[in-house]
């Protein structure tokens, strides 16, 4: 069942974890939405690390994309970003703290609500 799995508005300009599964359960992410809620342009960067929380050039999946004031970016993951390890995660970074809301949609395999 596809649903919202995480939401975050980073209060720092350092890379932080947006989504990390809590168990070794297969998951699939298919959409990340980033919304700039400020009157300024903001640069965003996204990362995926399957085995840890190192967010740098080696795990970057979206490099420094500018978001204009009030703009929304929908980052579709065709086929889904799938993994099963609880040690990994998706990270984000913004050039201005407390400026962008990130929301992750996908599914946890075997979940029933």
PDB file of N, CA and C in Angstrom:
ATOM      1  N   UNK A   1       0.835  -1.173   0.000  1.00  0.00           N
ATOM      2  CA  UNK A   1       0.000   0.000   0.000  1.00  0.00           C
ATOM      3  C   UNK A   1       0.890   1.251   0.000  1.00  0.00           C
ATOM      4  N   UNK A   2       0.726   2.080  -1.000  1.00  0.00           N
ATOM      5  CA  UNK A   2       1.494   3.317  -1.115  1.00  0.00           C
ATOM      6  C   UNK A   2       0.959   4.342  -0.121  1.00  0.00           C
ATOM      7  N   UNK A   3       1.895   4.952   0.627  1.00  0.00           N
ATOM      8  CA  UNK A   3       1.506   5.962   1.600  1.00  0.00           C
ATOM      9  C   UNK A   3       2.673   6.879   1.907  1.00  0.00           C
ATOM     10  N   UNK A   4       2.407   7.913   2.684  1.00  0.00           N
ATOM     11  CA  UNK A   4       3.475   8.802   3.128  1.00  0.00           C
ATOM     12  C   UNK A   4       4.313   8.050   4.149  1.00  0.00           C
ATOM     13  N   UNK A   5       5.626   8.025   3.922  1.00  0.00           N
ATOM     14  CA  UNK A   5       6.529   7.316   4.825  1.00  0.00           C
ATOM     15  C   UNK A   5       7.358   8.254   5.692  1.00  0.00           C
ATOM     16  N   UNK A   6       7.545   9.486   5.258  1.00  0.00           N
ATOM     17  CA  UNK A   6       8.355  10.416   6.049  1.00  0.00           C
ATOM     18  C   UNK A   6       8.079  11.844   5.605  1.00  0.00           C
ATOM     19  N   UNK A   7       8.318  12.768   6.531  1.00  0.00           N
ATOM     20  CA  UNK A   7       8.211  14.200   6.214  1.00  0.00           C
ATOM     21  C   UNK A   7       9.179  14.943   7.122  1.00  0.00           C
ATOM     22  N   UNK A   8       9.852  15.942   6.557  1.00  0.00           N
ATOM     23  CA  UNK A   8      10.871  16.671   7.312  1.00  0.00           C
ATOM     24  C   UNK A   8      11.054  18.069   6.745  1.00  0.00           C
ATOM     25  N   UNK A   9      11.275  19.029   7.639  1.00  0.00           N
ATOM     26  CA  UNK A   9      11.668  20.381   7.273  1.00  0.00           C
ATOM     27  C   UNK A   9      12.982  20.640   8.008  1.00  0.00           C
ATOM     28  N   UNK A  10      14.120  20.395   7.342  1.00  0.00           N
ATOM     29  CA  UNK A  10      15.415  20.491   8.021  1.00  0.00           C
ATOM     30  C   UNK A  10      15.670  21.884   8.604  1.00  0.00           C
ATOM     31  N   UNK A  11      16.127  21.902   9.858  1.00  0.00           N
ATOM     32  CA  UNK A  11      16.417  23.173  10.525  1.00  0.00           C
ATOM     33  C   UNK A  11      17.914  23.480  10.519  1.00  0.00           C
ATOM     34  N   UNK A  12      18.613  22.893   9.547  1.00  0.00           N
ATOM     35  CA  UNK A  12      20.047  23.067   9.406  1.00  0.00           C
ATOM     36  C   UNK A  12      20.407  23.071   7.923  1.00  0.00           C
ATOM     37  N   UNK A  13      21.615  23.514   7.603  1.00  0.00           N
ATOM     38  CA  UNK A  13      22.087  23.460   6.217  1.00  0.00           C
ATOM     39  C   UNK A  13      23.008  22.259   5.992  1.00  0.00           C
ATOM     40  N   UNK A  14      23.151  21.420   6.998  1.00  0.00           N
ATOM     41  CA  UNK A  14      23.916  20.179   6.871  1.00  0.00           C
ATOM     42  C   UNK A  14      22.987  19.076   6.366  1.00  0.00           C
ATOM     43  N   UNK A  15      23.557  18.055   5.783  1.00  0.00           N
ATOM     44  CA  UNK A  15      22.765  16.918   5.316  1.00  0.00           C
ATOM     45  C   UNK A  15      22.192  16.158   6.512  1.00  0.00           C
ATOM     46  N   UNK A  16      20.911  15.813   6.411  1.00  0.00           N
ATOM     47  CA  UNK A  16      20.212  15.076   7.475  1.00  0.00           C
ATOM     48  C   UNK A  16      19.414  13.930   6.854  1.00  0.00           C
ATOM     49  N   UNK A  17      19.058  12.957   7.676  1.00  0.00           N
ATOM     50  CA  UNK A  17      18.277  11.818   7.205  1.00  0.00           C
ATOM     51  C   UNK A  17      16.812  12.201   7.068  1.00  0.00           C
ATOM     52  N   UNK A  18      16.273  11.972   5.889  1.00  0.00           N
ATOM     53  CA  UNK A  18      14.854  12.188   5.624  1.00  0.00           C
ATOM     54  C   UNK A  18      14.069  10.902   5.886  1.00  0.00           C
ATOM     55  N   UNK A  19      14.588   9.762   5.425  1.00  0.00           N
ATOM     56  CA  UNK A  19      13.907   8.482   5.601  1.00  0.00           C
ATOM     57  C   UNK A  19      14.915   7.394   5.883  1.00  0.00           C
ATOM     58  N   UNK A  20      14.620   6.596   6.885  1.00  0.00           N
ATOM     59  CA  UNK A  20      15.390   5.396   7.175  1.00  0.00           C
ATOM     60  C   UNK A  20      14.429   4.366   7.757  1.00  0.00           C
ATOM     61  N   UNK A  21      14.374   3.164   7.197  1.00  0.00           N
ATOM     62  CA  UNK A  21      13.443   2.162   7.717  1.00  0.00           C
ATOM     63  C   UNK A  21      13.857   1.731   9.120  1.00  0.00           C
ATOM     64  N   UNK A  22      12.893   1.323   9.911  1.00  0.00           N
ATOM     65  CA  UNK A  22      13.185   0.940  11.289  1.00  0.00           C
ATOM     66  C   UNK A  22      13.499  -0.535  11.436  1.00  0.00           C
ATOM     67  N   UNK A  23      13.228  -1.330  10.426  1.00  0.00           N
ATOM     68  CA  UNK A  23      13.512  -2.764  10.470  1.00  0.00           C
ATOM     69  C   UNK A  23      14.091  -3.219   9.142  1.00  0.00           C
ATOM     70  N   UNK A  24      14.630  -4.412   9.130  1.00  0.00           N
ATOM     71  CA  UNK A  24      15.142  -4.982   7.875  1.00  0.00           C
ATOM     72  C   UNK A  24      13.980  -5.507   7.056  1.00  0.00           C
ATOM     73  N   UNK A  25      13.165  -4.590   6.598  1.00  0.00           N
ATOM     74  CA  UNK A  25      11.966  -4.933   5.844  1.00  0.00           C
ATOM     75  C   UNK A  25      12.051  -4.274   4.479  1.00  0.00           C
ATOM     76  N   UNK A  26      11.762  -5.001   3.426  1.00  0.00           N
ATOM     77  CA  UNK A  26      11.829  -4.396   2.098  1.00  0.00           C
ATOM     78  C   UNK A  26      10.925  -3.161   1.995  1.00  0.00           C
ATOM     79  N   UNK A  27      11.442  -2.150   1.364  1.00  0.00           N
ATOM     80  CA  UNK A  27      10.647  -0.951   1.121  1.00  0.00           C
ATOM     81  C   UNK A  27      10.884  -0.473  -0.297  1.00  0.00           C
ATOM     82  N   UNK A  28       9.965   0.325  -0.780  1.00  0.00           N
ATOM     83  CA  UNK A  28      10.090   0.919  -2.101  1.00  0.00           C
ATOM     84  C   UNK A  28       9.607   2.356  -2.024  1.00  0.00           C
ATOM     85  N   UNK A  29      10.444   3.277  -2.442  1.00  0.00           N
ATOM     86  CA  UNK A  29      10.080   4.696  -2.482  1.00  0.00           C
ATOM     87  C   UNK A  29       9.847   5.071  -3.934  1.00  0.00           C
ATOM     88  N   UNK A  30       8.769   5.819  -4.218  1.00  0.00           N
ATOM     89  CA  UNK A  30       8.531   6.181  -5.604  1.00  0.00           C
ATOM     90  C   UNK A  30       8.359   7.678  -5.846  1.00  0.00           C
ATOM     91  N   UNK A  31       8.260   8.462  -4.776  1.00  0.00           N
ATOM     92  CA  UNK A  31       8.084   9.901  -4.970  1.00  0.00           C
ATOM     93  C   UNK A  31       8.634  10.664  -3.769  1.00  0.00           C
ATOM     94  N   UNK A  32       9.422  11.689  -4.050  1.00  0.00           N
ATOM     95  CA  UNK A  32       9.863  12.625  -3.022  1.00  0.00           C
ATOM     96  C   UNK A  32       9.439  14.015  -3.488  1.00  0.00           C
ATOM     97  N   UNK A  33       8.724  14.720  -2.625  1.00  0.00           N
ATOM     98  CA  UNK A  33       8.273  16.077  -2.947  1.00  0.00           C
ATOM     99  C   UNK A  33       9.037  17.056  -2.075  1.00  0.00           C
ATOM    100  N   UNK A  34       9.570  18.098  -2.689  1.00  0.00           N
ATOM    101  CA  UNK A  34      10.272  19.160  -1.972  1.00  0.00           C
ATOM    102  C   UNK A  34       9.570  20.480  -2.283  1.00  0.00           C
ATOM    103  N   UNK A  35       9.139  21.188  -1.244  1.00  0.00           N
ATOM    104  CA  UNK A  35       8.422  22.458  -1.417  1.00  0.00           C
ATOM    105  C   UNK A  35       9.145  23.568  -0.686  1.00  0.00           C
ATOM    106  N   UNK A  36       9.509  24.609  -1.433  1.00  0.00           N
ATOM    107  CA  UNK A  36      10.160  25.785  -0.858  1.00  0.00           C
ATOM    108  C   UNK A  36       9.071  26.720  -0.340  1.00  0.00           C
ATOM    109  N   UNK A  37       9.021  26.918   0.967  1.00  0.00           N
ATOM    110  CA  UNK A  37       7.996  27.764   1.587  1.00  0.00           C
ATOM    111  C   UNK A  37       8.515  29.144   1.952  1.00  0.00           C
ATOM    112  N   UNK A  38       9.580  29.590   1.294  1.00  0.00           N
ATOM    113  CA  UNK A  38      10.144  30.897   1.611  1.00  0.00           C
ATOM    114  C   UNK A  38      10.028  31.842   0.415  1.00  0.00           C
ATOM    115  N   UNK A  39      10.453  33.065   0.627  1.00  0.00           N
ATOM    116  CA  UNK A  39      10.464  34.071  -0.443  1.00  0.00           C
ATOM    117  C   UNK A  39      11.812  34.102  -1.150  1.00  0.00           C
ATOM    118  N   UNK A  40      12.682  33.132  -0.848  1.00  0.00           N
ATOM    119  CA  UNK A  40      14.025  33.085  -1.420  1.00  0.00           C
ATOM    120  C   UNK A  40      14.231  31.810  -2.227  1.00  0.00           C
ATOM    121  N   UNK A  41      15.152  31.853  -3.171  1.00  0.00           N
ATOM    122  CA  UNK A  41      15.550  30.654  -3.887  1.00  0.00           C
ATOM    123  C   UNK A  41      16.422  29.813  -2.954  1.00  0.00           C
ATOM    124  N   UNK A  42      16.221  28.495  -2.992  1.00  0.00           N
ATOM    125  CA  UNK A  42      16.946  27.576  -2.116  1.00  0.00           C
ATOM    126  C   UNK A  42      17.508  26.437  -2.968  1.00  0.00           C
ATOM    127  N   UNK A  43      18.741  26.033  -2.705  1.00  0.00           N
ATOM    128  CA  UNK A  43      19.328  24.875  -3.372  1.00  0.00           C
ATOM    129  C   UNK A  43      19.098  23.647  -2.505  1.00  0.00           C
ATOM    130  N   UNK A  44      18.690  22.551  -3.142  1.00  0.00           N
ATOM    131  CA  UNK A  44      18.508  21.295  -2.415  1.00  0.00           C
ATOM    132  C   UNK A  44      19.381  20.207  -3.027  1.00  0.00           C
ATOM    133  N   UNK A  45      19.770  19.259  -2.204  1.00  0.00           N
ATOM    134  CA  UNK A  45      20.539  18.095  -2.635  1.00  0.00           C
ATOM    135  C   UNK A  45      19.929  16.880  -1.955  1.00  0.00           C
ATOM    136  N   UNK A  46      19.838  15.755  -2.683  1.00  0.00           N
ATOM    137  CA  UNK A  46      19.304  14.515  -2.114  1.00  0.00           C
ATOM    138  C   UNK A  46      20.320  13.394  -2.267  1.00  0.00           C
ATOM    139  N   UNK A  47      20.287  12.472  -1.302  1.00  0.00           N
ATOM    140  CA  UNK A  47      21.241  11.371  -1.239  1.00  0.00           C
ATOM    141  C   UNK A  47      20.521  10.049  -0.960  1.00  0.00           C
ATOM    142  N   UNK A  48      21.133   8.940  -1.396  1.00  0.00           N
ATOM    143  CA  UNK A  48      20.673   7.603  -0.991  1.00  0.00           C
ATOM    144  C   UNK A  48      21.896   6.777  -0.646  1.00  0.00           C
ATOM    145  N   UNK A  49      21.922   6.281   0.578  1.00  0.00           N
ATOM    146  CA  UNK A  49      23.001   5.418   1.032  1.00  0.00           C
ATOM    147  C   UNK A  49      22.362   4.140   1.548  1.00  0.00           C
ATOM    148  N   UNK A  50      22.621   3.024   0.897  1.00  0.00           N
ATOM    149  CA  UNK A  50      21.972   1.758   1.238  1.00  0.00           C
ATOM    150  C   UNK A  50      22.526   1.128   2.510  1.00  0.00           C
ATOM    151  N   UNK A  51      23.700   1.549   2.959  1.00  0.00           N
ATOM    152  CA  UNK A  51      24.316   0.880   4.112  1.00  0.00           C
ATOM    153  C   UNK A  51      24.688   1.818   5.254  1.00  0.00           C
ATOM    154  N   UNK A  52      24.287   3.061   5.203  1.00  0.00           N
ATOM    155  CA  UNK A  52      24.651   3.971   6.286  1.00  0.00           C
ATOM    156  C   UNK A  52      24.052   5.339   6.100  1.00  0.00           C
ATOM    157  N   UNK A  53      24.599   6.306   6.827  1.00  0.00           N
ATOM    158  CA  UNK A  53      24.080   7.670   6.784  1.00  0.00           C
ATOM    159  C   UNK A  53      25.156   8.658   6.358  1.00  0.00           C
ATOM    160  N   UNK A  54      26.044   8.229   5.462  1.00  0.00           N
ATOM    161  CA  UNK A  54      27.029   9.134   4.891  1.00  0.00           C
ATOM    162  C   UNK A  54      26.386   9.804   3.688  1.00  0.00           C
ATOM    163  N   UNK A  55      26.217  11.101   3.769  1.00  0.00           N
ATOM    164  CA  UNK A  55      25.594  11.849   2.680  1.00  0.00           C
ATOM    165  C   UNK A  55      26.620  12.824   2.113  1.00  0.00           C
ATOM    166  N   UNK A  56      27.195  12.443   0.970  1.00  0.00           N
ATOM    167  CA  UNK A  56      28.204  13.260   0.307  1.00  0.00           C
ATOM    168  C   UNK A  56      28.149  12.980  -1.196  1.00  0.00           C
ATOM    169  N   UNK A  57      29.170  13.367  -1.932  1.00  0.00           N
ATOM    170  CA  UNK A  57      29.199  13.179  -3.386  1.00  0.00           C
ATOM    171  C   UNK A  57      29.073  11.712  -3.804  1.00  0.00           C
ATOM    172  N   UNK A  58      29.504  10.793  -2.954  1.00  0.00           N
ATOM    173  CA  UNK A  58      29.468   9.369  -3.313  1.00  0.00           C
ATOM    174  C   UNK A  58      28.065   8.772  -3.212  1.00  0.00           C
ATOM    175  N   UNK A  59      27.138   9.452  -2.522  1.00  0.00           N
ATOM    176  CA  UNK A  59      25.779   8.928  -2.370  1.00  0.00           C
ATOM    177  C   UNK A  59      24.725   9.887  -2.934  1.00  0.00           C
ATOM    178  N   UNK A  60      25.168  10.901  -3.640  1.00  0.00           N
ATOM    179  CA  UNK A  60      24.270  11.925  -4.175  1.00  0.00           C
ATOM    180  C   UNK A  60      23.424  11.384  -5.334  1.00  0.00           C
ATOM    181  N   UNK A  61      22.091  11.615  -5.282  1.00  0.00           N
ATOM    182  CA  UNK A  61      21.208  11.222  -6.376  1.00  0.00           C
ATOM    183  C   UNK A  61      20.566  12.427  -7.061  1.00  0.00           C
ATOM    184  N   UNK A  62      20.619  13.585  -6.412  1.00  0.00           N
ATOM    185  CA  UNK A  62      20.150  14.835  -7.012  1.00  0.00           C
ATOM    186  C   UNK A  62      21.080  15.929  -6.515  1.00  0.00           C
ATOM    187  N   UNK A  63      21.903  16.460  -7.416  1.00  0.00           N
ATOM    188  CA  UNK A  63      22.937  17.411  -7.024  1.00  0.00           C
ATOM    189  C   UNK A  63      22.459  18.849  -7.138  1.00  0.00           C
ATOM    190  N   UNK A  64      22.508  19.555  -6.054  1.00  0.00           N
ATOM    191  CA  UNK A  64      22.248  20.984  -5.962  1.00  0.00           C
ATOM    192  C   UNK A  64      21.254  21.504  -6.991  1.00  0.00           C
ATOM    193  N   UNK A  65      20.004  21.181  -6.783  1.00  0.00           N
ATOM    194  CA  UNK A  65      18.922  21.649  -7.655  1.00  0.00           C
ATOM    195  C   UNK A  65      18.298  22.900  -7.041  1.00  0.00           C
ATOM    196  N   UNK A  66      18.181  23.985  -7.811  1.00  0.00           N
ATOM    197  CA  UNK A  66      17.583  25.210  -7.268  1.00  0.00           C
ATOM    198  C   UNK A  66      16.052  25.128  -7.233  1.00  0.00           C
ATOM    199  N   UNK A  67      15.482  25.590  -6.133  1.00  0.00           N
ATOM    200  CA  UNK A  67      14.029  25.727  -5.999  1.00  0.00           C
ATOM    201  C   UNK A  67      13.726  27.201  -5.804  1.00  0.00           C
ATOM    202  N   UNK A  68      12.969  27.779  -6.705  1.00  0.00           N
ATOM    203  CA  UNK A  68      12.586  29.184  -6.576  1.00  0.00           C
ATOM    204  C   UNK A  68      11.599  29.352  -5.427  1.00  0.00           C
ATOM    205  N   UNK A  69      11.390  30.583  -5.001  1.00  0.00           N
ATOM    206  CA  UNK A  69      10.439  30.879  -3.933  1.00  0.00           C
ATOM    207  C   UNK A  69       9.079  30.284  -4.264  1.00  0.00           C
ATOM    208  N   UNK A  70       8.514  29.513  -3.333  1.00  0.00           N
ATOM    209  CA  UNK A  70       7.198  28.924  -3.522  1.00  0.00           C
ATOM    210  C   UNK A  70       7.131  27.741  -4.472  1.00  0.00           C
ATOM    211  N   UNK A  71       8.244  27.320  -5.027  1.00  0.00           N
ATOM    212  CA  UNK A  71       8.255  26.248  -6.016  1.00  0.00           C
ATOM    213  C   UNK A  71       8.244  24.859  -5.364  1.00  0.00           C
ATOM    214  N   UNK A  72       7.660  23.890  -6.069  1.00  0.00           N
ATOM    215  CA  UNK A  72       7.624  22.500  -5.625  1.00  0.00           C
ATOM    216  C   UNK A  72       8.310  21.624  -6.665  1.00  0.00           C
ATOM    217  N   UNK A  73       9.159  20.712  -6.189  1.00  0.00           N
ATOM    218  CA  UNK A  73       9.815  19.730  -7.048  1.00  0.00           C
ATOM    219  C   UNK A  73       9.243  18.361  -6.713  1.00  0.00           C
ATOM    220  N   UNK A  74       8.815  17.628  -7.738  1.00  0.00           N
ATOM    221  CA  UNK A  74       8.372  16.246  -7.559  1.00  0.00           C
ATOM    222  C   UNK A  74       9.434  15.357  -8.184  1.00  0.00           C
ATOM    223  N   UNK A  75      10.113  14.591  -7.353  1.00  0.00           N
ATOM    224  CA  UNK A  75      11.201  13.719  -7.791  1.00  0.00           C
ATOM    225  C   UNK A  75      10.654  12.292  -7.868  1.00  0.00           C
ATOM    226  N   UNK A  76      10.305  11.867  -9.097  1.00  0.00           N
ATOM    227  CA  UNK A  76       9.726  10.540  -9.307  1.00  0.00           C
ATOM    228  C   UNK A  76      10.845   9.520  -9.450  1.00  0.00           C
ATOM    229  N   UNK A  77      10.705   8.424  -8.759  1.00  0.00           N
ATOM    230  CA  UNK A  77      11.674   7.337  -8.829  1.00  0.00           C
ATOM    231  C   UNK A  77      11.030   6.226  -9.642  1.00  0.00           C
ATOM    232  N   UNK A  78      11.213   6.261 -10.958  1.00  0.00           N
ATOM    233  CA  UNK A  78      10.562   5.274 -11.819  1.00  0.00           C
ATOM    234  C   UNK A  78      11.041   3.881 -11.435  1.00  0.00           C
ATOM    235  N   UNK A  79      10.102   3.022 -11.190  1.00  0.00           N
ATOM    236  CA  UNK A  79      10.442   1.674 -10.746  1.00  0.00           C
ATOM    237  C   UNK A  79      10.691   1.605  -9.257  1.00  0.00           C
ATOM    238  N   UNK A  80      10.747   2.752  -8.604  1.00  0.00           N
ATOM    239  CA  UNK A  80      10.942   2.792  -7.151  1.00  0.00           C
ATOM    240  C   UNK A  80      12.390   2.636  -6.742  1.00  0.00           C
ATOM    241  N   UNK A  81      12.724   3.255  -5.640  1.00  0.00           N
ATOM    242  CA  UNK A  81      14.026   3.094  -5.016  1.00  0.00           C
ATOM    243  C   UNK A  81      13.819   2.041  -3.943  1.00  0.00           C
ATOM    244  N   UNK A  82      14.309   0.836  -4.168  1.00  0.00           N
ATOM    245  CA  UNK A  82      14.016  -0.281  -3.276  1.00  0.00           C
ATOM    246  C   UNK A  82      15.249  -0.700  -2.500  1.00  0.00           C
ATOM    247  N   UNK A  83      15.019  -1.149  -1.278  1.00  0.00           N
ATOM    248  CA  UNK A  83      16.094  -1.641  -0.431  1.00  0.00           C
ATOM    249  C   UNK A  83      15.466  -2.456   0.685  1.00  0.00           C
ATOM    250  N   UNK A  84      16.304  -3.028   1.532  1.00  0.00           N
ATOM    251  CA  UNK A  84      15.772  -3.834   2.631  1.00  0.00           C
ATOM    252  C   UNK A  84      16.566  -3.669   3.926  1.00  0.00           C
ATOM    253  N   UNK A  85      17.624  -2.914   3.927  1.00  0.00           N
ATOM    254  CA  UNK A  85      18.474  -2.801   5.098  1.00  0.00           C
ATOM    255  C   UNK A  85      18.064  -1.620   5.971  1.00  0.00           C
ATOM    256  N   UNK A  86      18.012  -1.848   7.273  1.00  0.00           N
ATOM    257  CA  UNK A  86      17.615  -0.769   8.181  1.00  0.00           C
ATOM    258  C   UNK A  86      18.740   0.236   8.395  1.00  0.00           C
ATOM    259  N   UNK A  87      19.953  -0.081   7.956  1.00  0.00           N
ATOM    260  CA  UNK A  87      21.082   0.827   8.166  1.00  0.00           C
ATOM    261  C   UNK A  87      21.120   1.962   7.151  1.00  0.00           C
ATOM    262  N   UNK A  88      20.431   1.825   6.041  1.00  0.00           N
ATOM    263  CA  UNK A  88      20.502   2.811   4.982  1.00  0.00           C
ATOM    264  C   UNK A  88      19.462   3.896   5.128  1.00  0.00           C
ATOM    265  N   UNK A  89      19.461   4.817   4.160  1.00  0.00           N
ATOM    266  CA  UNK A  89      18.461   5.865   4.206  1.00  0.00           C
ATOM    267  C   UNK A  89      18.594   6.867   3.080  1.00  0.00           C
ATOM    268  N   UNK A  90      17.659   7.803   3.076  1.00  0.00           N
ATOM    269  CA  UNK A  90      17.639   8.908   2.130  1.00  0.00           C
ATOM    270  C   UNK A  90      17.930  10.180   2.917  1.00  0.00           C
ATOM    271  N   UNK A  91      18.866  10.958   2.432  1.00  0.00           N
ATOM    272  CA  UNK A  91      19.233  12.203   3.093  1.00  0.00           C
ATOM    273  C   UNK A  91      18.959  13.399   2.214  1.00  0.00           C
ATOM    274  N   UNK A  92      18.832  14.570   2.853  1.00  0.00           N
ATOM    275  CA  UNK A  92      18.601  15.817   2.126  1.00  0.00           C
ATOM    276  C   UNK A  92      19.440  16.934   2.741  1.00  0.00           C
ATOM    277  N   UNK A  93      19.672  17.952   1.926  1.00  0.00           N
ATOM    278  CA  UNK A  93      20.404  19.131   2.401  1.00  0.00           C
ATOM    279  C   UNK A  93      19.831  20.351   1.691  1.00  0.00           C
ATOM    280  N   UNK A  94      19.729  21.466   2.405  1.00  0.00           N
ATOM    281  CA  UNK A  94      19.252  22.718   1.815  1.00  0.00           C
ATOM    282  C   UNK A  94      20.268  23.825   2.064  1.00  0.00           C
ATOM    283  N   UNK A  95      20.269  24.822   1.200  1.00  0.00           N
ATOM    284  CA  UNK A  95      21.211  25.934   1.357  1.00  0.00           C
ATOM    285  C   UNK A  95      20.736  26.953   2.393  1.00  0.00           C
ATOM    286  N   UNK A  96      19.451  26.905   2.759  1.00  0.00           N
ATOM    287  CA  UNK A  96      18.885  27.779   3.785  1.00  0.00           C
ATOM    288  C   UNK A  96      18.107  26.900   4.765  1.00  0.00           C
ATOM    289  N   UNK A  97      18.435  27.007   6.043  1.00  0.00           N
ATOM    290  CA  UNK A  97      17.756  26.196   7.062  1.00  0.00           C
ATOM    291  C   UNK A  97      16.286  26.574   7.177  1.00  0.00           C
ATOM    292  N   UNK A  98      15.464  25.592   7.538  1.00  0.00           N
ATOM    293  CA  UNK A  98      14.037  25.789   7.804  1.00  0.00           C
ATOM    294  C   UNK A  98      13.305  26.429   6.623  1.00  0.00           C
ATOM    295  N   UNK A  99      13.602  25.927   5.421  1.00  0.00           N
ATOM    296  CA  UNK A  99      13.037  26.550   4.221  1.00  0.00           C
ATOM    297  C   UNK A  99      12.260  25.608   3.308  1.00  0.00           C
ATOM    298  N   UNK A 100      12.551  24.315   3.376  1.00  0.00           N
ATOM    299  CA  UNK A 100      11.961  23.359   2.434  1.00  0.00           C
ATOM    300  C   UNK A 100      11.328  22.192   3.198  1.00  0.00           C
ATOM    301  N   UNK A 101      10.100  21.846   2.817  1.00  0.00           N
ATOM    302  CA  UNK A 101       9.438  20.645   3.342  1.00  0.00           C
ATOM    303  C   UNK A 101       9.694  19.509   2.364  1.00  0.00           C
ATOM    304  N   UNK A 102      10.158  18.377   2.878  1.00  0.00           N
ATOM    305  CA  UNK A 102      10.368  17.169   2.085  1.00  0.00           C
ATOM    306  C   UNK A 102       9.366  16.110   2.540  1.00  0.00           C
ATOM    307  N   UNK A 103       8.726  15.442   1.582  1.00  0.00           N
ATOM    308  CA  UNK A 103       7.783  14.369   1.892  1.00  0.00           C
ATOM    309  C   UNK A 103       8.116  13.172   1.006  1.00  0.00           C
ATOM    310  N   UNK A 104       8.145  11.982   1.615  1.00  0.00           N
ATOM    311  CA  UNK A 104       8.482  10.741   0.920  1.00  0.00           C
ATOM    312  C   UNK A 104       7.250   9.852   0.850  1.00  0.00           C
ATOM    313  N   UNK A 105       6.980   9.304  -0.352  1.00  0.00           N
ATOM    314  CA  UNK A 105       5.877   8.364  -0.542  1.00  0.00           C
ATOM    315  C   UNK A 105       6.418   7.039  -1.054  1.00  0.00           C
ATOM    316  N   UNK A 106       5.826   5.959  -0.621  1.00  0.00           N
ATOM    317  CA  UNK A 106       6.235   4.636  -1.059  1.00  0.00           C
ATOM    318  C   UNK A 106       5.487   3.586  -0.264  1.00  0.00           C
ATOM    319  N   UNK A 107       6.126   2.424  -0.154  1.00  0.00           N
ATOM    320  CA  UNK A 107       5.473   1.360   0.609  1.00  0.00           C
ATOM    321  C   UNK A 107       6.478   0.508   1.349  1.00  0.00           C
ATOM    322  N   UNK A 108       6.038  -0.037   2.467  1.00  0.00           N
ATOM    323  CA  UNK A 108       6.792  -1.031   3.214  1.00  0.00           C
ATOM    324  C   UNK A 108       6.167  -2.374   2.848  1.00  0.00           C
ATOM    325  N   UNK A 109       6.955  -3.269   2.294  1.00  0.00           N
ATOM    326  CA  UNK A 109       6.442  -4.563   1.827  1.00  0.00           C
ATOM    327  C   UNK A 109       5.868  -5.360   2.993  1.00  0.00           C
ATOM    328  N   UNK A 110       4.719  -5.968   2.764  1.00  0.00           N
ATOM    329  CA  UNK A 110       4.095  -6.792   3.773  1.00  0.00           C
ATOM    330  C   UNK A 110       3.305  -6.024   4.808  1.00  0.00           C
ATOM    331  N   UNK A 111       3.256  -4.709   4.674  1.00  0.00           N
ATOM    332  CA  UNK A 111       2.518  -3.896   5.643  1.00  0.00           C
ATOM    333  C   UNK A 111       1.025  -3.968   5.359  1.00  0.00           C
ATOM    334  N   UNK A 112       0.252  -4.078   6.410  1.00  0.00           N
ATOM    335  CA  UNK A 112      -1.204  -4.001   6.254  1.00  0.00           C
ATOM    336  C   UNK A 112      -1.733  -3.009   7.272  1.00  0.00           C
ATOM    337  N   UNK A 113      -2.597  -2.151   6.801  1.00  0.00           N
ATOM    338  CA  UNK A 113      -3.146  -1.092   7.672  1.00  0.00           C
ATOM    339  C   UNK A 113      -4.615  -1.323   7.865  1.00  0.00           C
TER     340      UNK A 113
END
